[in-house]
PDB file of N, CA and C in Angstrom:
ATOM      1  N   MET A   1      82.733 167.526  89.612  1.00  0.00           N
ATOM      2  CA  MET A   1      83.624 168.645  89.189  1.00  0.00           C
ATOM      3  C   MET A   1      83.693 168.783  87.705  1.00  0.00           C
ATOM      4  N   GLU A   2      83.641 169.617  87.014  1.00  0.00           N
ATOM      5  CA  GLU A   2      83.912 169.888  85.628  1.00  0.00           C
ATOM      6  C   GLU A   2      85.198 170.113  85.305  1.00  0.00           C
ATOM      7  N   HIS A   3      85.792 169.541  84.367  1.00  0.00           N
ATOM      8  CA  HIS A   3      87.231 169.621  83.863  1.00  0.00           C
ATOM      9  C   HIS A   3      87.250 170.616  82.607  1.00  0.00           C
ATOM     10  N   THR A   4      87.990 171.732  82.886  1.00  0.00           N
ATOM     11  CA  THR A   4      88.230 172.598  81.768  1.00  0.00           C
ATOM     12  C   THR A   4      89.548 172.576  81.294  1.00  0.00           C
ATOM     13  N   THR A   5      89.651 172.676  79.867  1.00  0.00           N
ATOM     14  CA  THR A   5      91.023 172.582  79.261  1.00  0.00           C
ATOM     15  C   THR A   5      91.769 174.028  79.559  1.00  0.00           C
ATOM     16  N   ILE A   6      93.145 173.769  79.302  1.00  0.00           N
ATOM     17  CA  ILE A   6      93.842 175.115  79.443  1.00  0.00           C
ATOM     18  C   ILE A   6      93.047 175.978  78.304  1.00  0.00           C
ATOM     19  N   GLY A   7      92.919 175.828  77.200  1.00  0.00           N
ATOM     20  CA  GLY A   7      92.197 176.461  75.931  1.00  0.00           C
ATOM     21  C   GLY A   7      91.085 177.150  76.464  1.00  0.00           C
ATOM     22  N   ASP A   8      90.172 176.304  77.094  1.00  0.00           N
ATOM     23  CA  ASP A   8      88.877 176.886  77.645  1.00  0.00           C
ATOM     24  C   ASP A   8      89.155 178.077  78.766  1.00  0.00           C
ATOM     25  N   GLN A   9      90.137 177.828  79.530  1.00  0.00           N
ATOM     26  CA  GLN A   9      90.546 178.731  80.574  1.00  0.00           C
ATOM     27  C   GLN A   9      91.048 180.071  80.210  1.00  0.00           C
ATOM     28  N   ILE A  10      91.905 179.915  78.975  1.00  0.00           N
ATOM     29  CA  ILE A  10      92.481 181.136  78.361  1.00  0.00           C
ATOM     30  C   ILE A  10      91.310 181.925  77.544  1.00  0.00           C
ATOM     31  N   LEU A  11      90.321 181.071  76.725  1.00  0.00           N
ATOM     32  CA  LEU A  11      89.407 181.745  76.098  1.00  0.00           C
ATOM     33  C   LEU A  11      88.221 182.434  77.367  1.00  0.00           C
ATOM     34  N   ALA A  12      88.176 181.818  78.306  1.00  0.00           N
ATOM     35  CA  ALA A  12      87.123 182.564  79.492  1.00  0.00           C
ATOM     36  C   ALA A  12      87.884 183.616  79.742  1.00  0.00           C
ATOM     37  N   VAL A  13      89.050 183.757  79.974  1.00  0.00           N
ATOM     38  CA  VAL A  13      89.683 185.086  80.530  1.00  0.00           C
ATOM     39  C   VAL A  13      89.476 186.065  79.453  1.00  0.00           C
ATOM     40  N   VAL A  14      89.983 185.734  78.065  1.00  0.00           N
ATOM     41  CA  VAL A  14      89.921 186.710  77.011  1.00  0.00           C
ATOM     42  C   VAL A  14      88.275 187.286  76.772  1.00  0.00           C
ATOM     43  N   ARG A  15      87.204 186.423  77.019  1.00  0.00           N
ATOM     44  CA  ARG A  15      86.073 186.809  76.916  1.00  0.00           C
ATOM     45  C   ARG A  15      85.746 188.099  78.162  1.00  0.00           C
ATOM     46  N   ALA A  16      86.104 187.480  79.191  1.00  0.00           N
ATOM     47  CA  ALA A  16      85.785 188.669  80.510  1.00  0.00           C
ATOM     48  C   ALA A  16      86.853 189.756  80.285  1.00  0.00           C
ATOM     49  N   HIS A  17      87.767 189.711  79.646  1.00  0.00           N
ATOM     50  CA  HIS A  17      88.973 190.974  79.596  1.00  0.00           C
ATOM     51  C   HIS A  17      89.284 191.204  78.352  1.00  0.00           C
ATOM     52  N   PRO A  18      88.584 191.739  77.282  1.00  0.00           N
ATOM     53  CA  PRO A  18      88.862 191.748  75.859  1.00  0.00           C
ATOM     54  C   PRO A  18      90.051 192.689  75.991  1.00  0.00           C
ATOM     55  N   ASP A  19      91.071 192.342  74.829  1.00  0.00           N
ATOM     56  CA  ASP A  19      92.080 193.005  74.579  1.00  0.00           C
ATOM     57  C   ASP A  19      93.174 193.015  75.584  1.00  0.00           C
ATOM     58  N   CYS A  20      93.030 191.792  76.455  1.00  0.00           N
ATOM     59  CA  CYS A  20      94.078 191.669  77.589  1.00  0.00           C
ATOM     60  C   CYS A  20      95.316 191.191  76.855  1.00  0.00           C
ATOM     61  N   THR A  21      96.345 191.174  77.534  1.00  0.00           N
ATOM     62  CA  THR A  21      97.673 190.784  77.083  1.00  0.00           C
ATOM     63  C   THR A  21      97.796 189.513  77.733  1.00  0.00           C
ATOM     64  N   LEU A  22      98.836 188.688  76.946  1.00  0.00           N
ATOM     65  CA  LEU A  22      99.154 187.405  77.515  1.00  0.00           C
ATOM     66  C   LEU A  22      99.602 187.524  79.028  1.00  0.00           C
ATOM     67  N   GLY A  23     100.350 188.301  79.298  1.00  0.00           N
ATOM     68  CA  GLY A  23     100.723 188.407  80.914  1.00  0.00           C
ATOM     69  C   GLY A  23      99.454 188.634  81.777  1.00  0.00           C
ATOM     70  N   ASP A  24      98.558 189.436  81.241  1.00  0.00           N
ATOM     71  CA  ASP A  24      97.393 189.357  82.009  1.00  0.00           C
ATOM     72  C   ASP A  24      96.595 187.920  82.209  1.00  0.00           C
ATOM     73  N   VAL A  25      96.690 187.225  81.232  1.00  0.00           N
ATOM     74  CA  VAL A  25      95.968 185.813  81.082  1.00  0.00           C
ATOM     75  C   VAL A  25      96.714 185.157  82.037  1.00  0.00           C
ATOM     76  N   MET A  26      98.100 185.220  82.116  1.00  0.00           N
ATOM     77  CA  MET A  26      98.943 184.310  83.067  1.00  0.00           C
ATOM     78  C   MET A  26      98.584 184.791  84.544  1.00  0.00           C
ATOM     79  N   GLN A  27      98.496 186.218  84.678  1.00  0.00           N
ATOM     80  CA  GLN A  27      97.999 186.693  85.966  1.00  0.00           C
ATOM     81  C   GLN A  27      96.637 185.839  86.500  1.00  0.00           C
ATOM     82  N   GLN A  28      95.735 185.760  85.612  1.00  0.00           N
ATOM     83  CA  GLN A  28      94.462 185.441  85.934  1.00  0.00           C
ATOM     84  C   GLN A  28      94.324 183.712  86.210  1.00  0.00           C
ATOM     85  N   LEU A  29      95.444 183.094  85.507  1.00  0.00           N
ATOM     86  CA  LEU A  29      95.571 181.726  85.733  1.00  0.00           C
ATOM     87  C   LEU A  29      96.982 181.212  86.355  1.00  0.00           C
ATOM     88  N   PRO A  30      96.952 181.737  87.618  1.00  0.00           N
ATOM     89  CA  PRO A  30      98.355 181.609  88.333  1.00  0.00           C
ATOM     90  C   PRO A  30      98.660 179.974  88.553  1.00  0.00           C
ATOM     91  N   ASN A  31      97.760 179.029  88.528  1.00  0.00           N
ATOM     92  CA  ASN A  31      97.983 177.635  88.766  1.00  0.00           C
ATOM     93  C   ASN A  31      98.508 177.125  87.527  1.00  0.00           C
ATOM     94  N   LEU A  32      98.676 177.722  86.350  1.00  0.00           N
ATOM     95  CA  LEU A  32      99.290 177.152  85.120  1.00  0.00           C
ATOM     96  C   LEU A  32     100.742 177.742  85.156  1.00  0.00           C
ATOM     97  N   ASP A  33     101.478 176.992  84.397  1.00  0.00           N
ATOM     98  CA  ASP A  33     102.702 177.143  83.984  1.00  0.00           C
ATOM     99  C   ASP A  33     102.842 178.306  82.694  1.00  0.00           C
ATOM    100  N   TRP A  34     103.736 179.505  82.725  1.00  0.00           N
ATOM    101  CA  TRP A  34     104.030 180.204  81.700  1.00  0.00           C
ATOM    102  C   TRP A  34     103.930 179.513  80.305  1.00  0.00           C
ATOM    103  N   ALA A  35     104.869 178.523  80.233  1.00  0.00           N
ATOM    104  CA  ALA A  35     104.822 177.593  78.983  1.00  0.00           C
ATOM    105  C   ALA A  35     103.597 177.220  78.294  1.00  0.00           C
ATOM    106  N   GLU A  36     102.839 176.701  79.478  1.00  0.00           N
ATOM    107  CA  GLU A  36     101.582 175.939  78.964  1.00  0.00           C
ATOM    108  C   GLU A  36     100.609 176.985  78.351  1.00  0.00           C
ATOM    109  N   VAL A  37     100.617 178.164  79.141  1.00  0.00           N
ATOM    110  CA  VAL A  37      99.674 179.285  78.499  1.00  0.00           C
ATOM    111  C   VAL A  37      99.949 179.620  77.137  1.00  0.00           C
ATOM    112  N   TYR A  38     101.280 179.747  77.161  1.00  0.00           N
ATOM    113  CA  TYR A  38     101.883 180.348  75.617  1.00  0.00           C
ATOM    114  C   TYR A  38     101.708 179.429  74.732  1.00  0.00           C
ATOM    115  N   LEU A  39     101.983 178.006  74.857  1.00  0.00           N
ATOM    116  CA  LEU A  39     101.936 177.301  73.677  1.00  0.00           C
ATOM    117  C   LEU A  39     100.384 176.962  73.402  1.00  0.00           C
ATOM    118  N   GLU A  40      99.397 176.927  74.553  1.00  0.00           N
ATOM    119  CA  GLU A  40      98.000 176.942  74.165  1.00  0.00           C
ATOM    120  C   GLU A  40      97.511 178.154  73.149  1.00  0.00           C
ATOM    121  N   ALA A  41      98.020 179.344  73.747  1.00  0.00           N
ATOM    122  CA  ALA A  41      97.809 180.424  73.170  1.00  0.00           C
ATOM    123  C   ALA A  41      97.971 180.199  71.525  1.00  0.00           C
ATOM    124  N   GLU A  42      99.044 180.010  71.228  1.00  0.00           N
ATOM    125  CA  GLU A  42      99.664 179.832  70.070  1.00  0.00           C
ATOM    126  C   GLU A  42      98.674 178.630  69.191  1.00  0.00           C
ATOM    127  N   ARG A  43      98.390 177.675  69.864  1.00  0.00           N
ATOM    128  CA  ARG A  43      97.341 176.627  69.179  1.00  0.00           C
ATOM    129  C   ARG A  43      96.318 177.230  68.985  1.00  0.00           C
ATOM    130  N   LEU A  44      95.479 177.984  69.840  1.00  0.00           N
ATOM    131  CA  LEU A  44      94.355 178.566  69.683  1.00  0.00           C
ATOM    132  C   LEU A  44      94.314 179.482  68.630  1.00  0.00           C
ATOM    133  N   SER A  45      95.504 180.313  68.327  1.00  0.00           N
ATOM    134  CA  SER A  45      95.575 181.237  67.409  1.00  0.00           C
ATOM    135  C   SER A  45      95.740 180.516  65.884  1.00  0.00           C
ATOM    136  N   ARG A  46      96.577 179.679  65.859  1.00  0.00           N
ATOM    137  CA  ARG A  46      96.623 178.716  64.544  1.00  0.00           C
ATOM    138  C   ARG A  46      95.370 178.047  64.401  1.00  0.00           C
ATOM    139  N   SER A  47      94.451 177.754  65.032  1.00  0.00           N
ATOM    140  CA  SER A  47      92.952 177.169  64.767  1.00  0.00           C
ATOM    141  C   SER A  47      92.080 178.278  64.615  1.00  0.00           C
ATOM    142  N   GLY A  48      92.548 179.387  64.661  1.00  0.00           N
ATOM    143  CA  GLY A  48      91.511 180.327  64.504  1.00  0.00           C
ATOM    144  C   GLY A  48      90.497 180.713  65.664  1.00  0.00           C
ATOM    145  N   GLN A  49      90.870 180.378  66.830  1.00  0.00           N
ATOM    146  CA  GLN A  49      89.877 180.655  68.055  1.00  0.00           C
ATOM    147  C   GLN A  49      90.434 181.924  68.852  1.00  0.00           C
ATOM    148  N   LEU A  50      91.426 182.309  68.493  1.00  0.00           N
ATOM    149  CA  LEU A  50      91.892 183.470  69.436  1.00  0.00           C
ATOM    150  C   LEU A  50      93.069 184.263  68.267  1.00  0.00           C
ATOM    151  N   ARG A  51      92.860 185.572  68.417  1.00  0.00           N
ATOM    152  CA  ARG A  51      93.964 186.405  67.631  1.00  0.00           C
ATOM    153  C   ARG A  51      95.109 186.926  68.476  1.00  0.00           C
ATOM    154  N   GLN A  52      96.173 186.843  67.977  1.00  0.00           N
ATOM    155  CA  GLN A  52      97.237 187.412  68.810  1.00  0.00           C
ATOM    156  C   GLN A  52      97.954 188.610  68.101  1.00  0.00           C
ATOM    157  N   ILE A  53      97.829 189.774  68.802  1.00  0.00           N
ATOM    158  CA  ILE A  53      98.501 191.079  68.065  1.00  0.00           C
ATOM    159  C   ILE A  53      99.840 191.203  68.747  1.00  0.00           C
ATOM    160  N   ARG A  54     100.879 191.233  68.225  1.00  0.00           N
ATOM    161  CA  ARG A  54     102.248 191.278  68.748  1.00  0.00           C
ATOM    162  C   ARG A  54     102.814 192.808  68.636  1.00  0.00           C
ATOM    163  N   ASP A  55     103.174 193.314  69.813  1.00  0.00           N
ATOM    164  CA  ASP A  55     103.728 194.623  69.666  1.00  0.00           C
ATOM    165  C   ASP A  55     105.226 194.641  70.114  1.00  0.00           C
ATOM    166  N   ASN A  56     106.124 194.887  69.091  1.00  0.00           N
ATOM    167  CA  ASN A  56     107.412 194.467  69.304  1.00  0.00           C
ATOM    168  C   ASN A  56     108.086 195.595  70.590  1.00  0.00           C
ATOM    169  N   VAL A  57     107.385 196.636  70.685  1.00  0.00           N
ATOM    170  CA  VAL A  57     107.638 197.639  71.733  1.00  0.00           C
ATOM    171  C   VAL A  57     106.274 197.983  72.416  1.00  0.00           C
ATOM    172  N   PRO A  58     106.171 197.702  73.694  1.00  0.00           N
ATOM    173  CA  PRO A  58     107.086 197.075  74.826  1.00  0.00           C
ATOM    174  C   PRO A  58     107.052 195.495  74.657  1.00  0.00           C
ATOM    175  N   PHE A  59     107.182 194.724  73.620  1.00  0.00           N
ATOM    176  CA  PHE A  59     107.228 193.370  73.646  1.00  0.00           C
ATOM    177  C   PHE A  59     106.024 192.793  74.294  1.00  0.00           C
ATOM    178  N   THR A  60     104.767 193.206  73.922  1.00  0.00           N
ATOM    179  CA  THR A  60     103.661 192.501  74.301  1.00  0.00           C
ATOM    180  C   THR A  60     102.624 191.932  73.333  1.00  0.00           C
ATOM    181  N   THR A  61     101.930 190.984  73.991  1.00  0.00           N
ATOM    182  CA  THR A  61     101.155 190.146  72.875  1.00  0.00           C
ATOM    183  C   THR A  61      99.568 190.369  73.353  1.00  0.00           C
ATOM    184  N   THR A  62      98.824 191.007  72.667  1.00  0.00           N
ATOM    185  CA  THR A  62      97.336 191.173  72.997  1.00  0.00           C
ATOM    186  C   THR A  62      96.406 190.168  72.408  1.00  0.00           C
ATOM    187  N   LEU A  63      95.616 189.717  73.262  1.00  0.00           N
ATOM    188  CA  LEU A  63      94.931 188.498  72.996  1.00  0.00           C
ATOM    189  C   LEU A  63      93.428 188.988  72.792  1.00  0.00           C
ATOM    190  N   ARG A  64      92.721 188.612  71.698  1.00  0.00           N
ATOM    191  CA  ARG A  64      91.409 189.032  71.326  1.00  0.00           C
ATOM    192  C   ARG A  64      90.703 187.844  70.601  1.00  0.00           C
ATOM    193  N   LEU A  65      89.189 187.836  70.862  1.00  0.00           N
ATOM    194  CA  LEU A  65      88.650 186.831  69.997  1.00  0.00           C
ATOM    195  C   LEU A  65      88.424 187.341  68.554  1.00  0.00           C
ATOM    196  N   PRO A  66      88.294 186.198  67.604  1.00  0.00           N
ATOM    197  CA  PRO A  66      88.207 186.628  66.254  1.00  0.00           C
ATOM    198  C   PRO A  66      86.811 187.475  65.918  1.00  0.00           C
TER     199      PRO A  66
END
């Protein structure tokens, strides 16, 4: 059985659903805790593997590949 990291799982969701929100990703990965997804998305963003676009109203974060 192949082990995939949380980061790999997030990137796979974003590839399959371009411009999805952080909430959409969390719905696609129900086995993961919200904090795990959030922290890994932040790490992926800092490393340049993921772009986060924050909208203060209605407080959403859209994820996309660079």
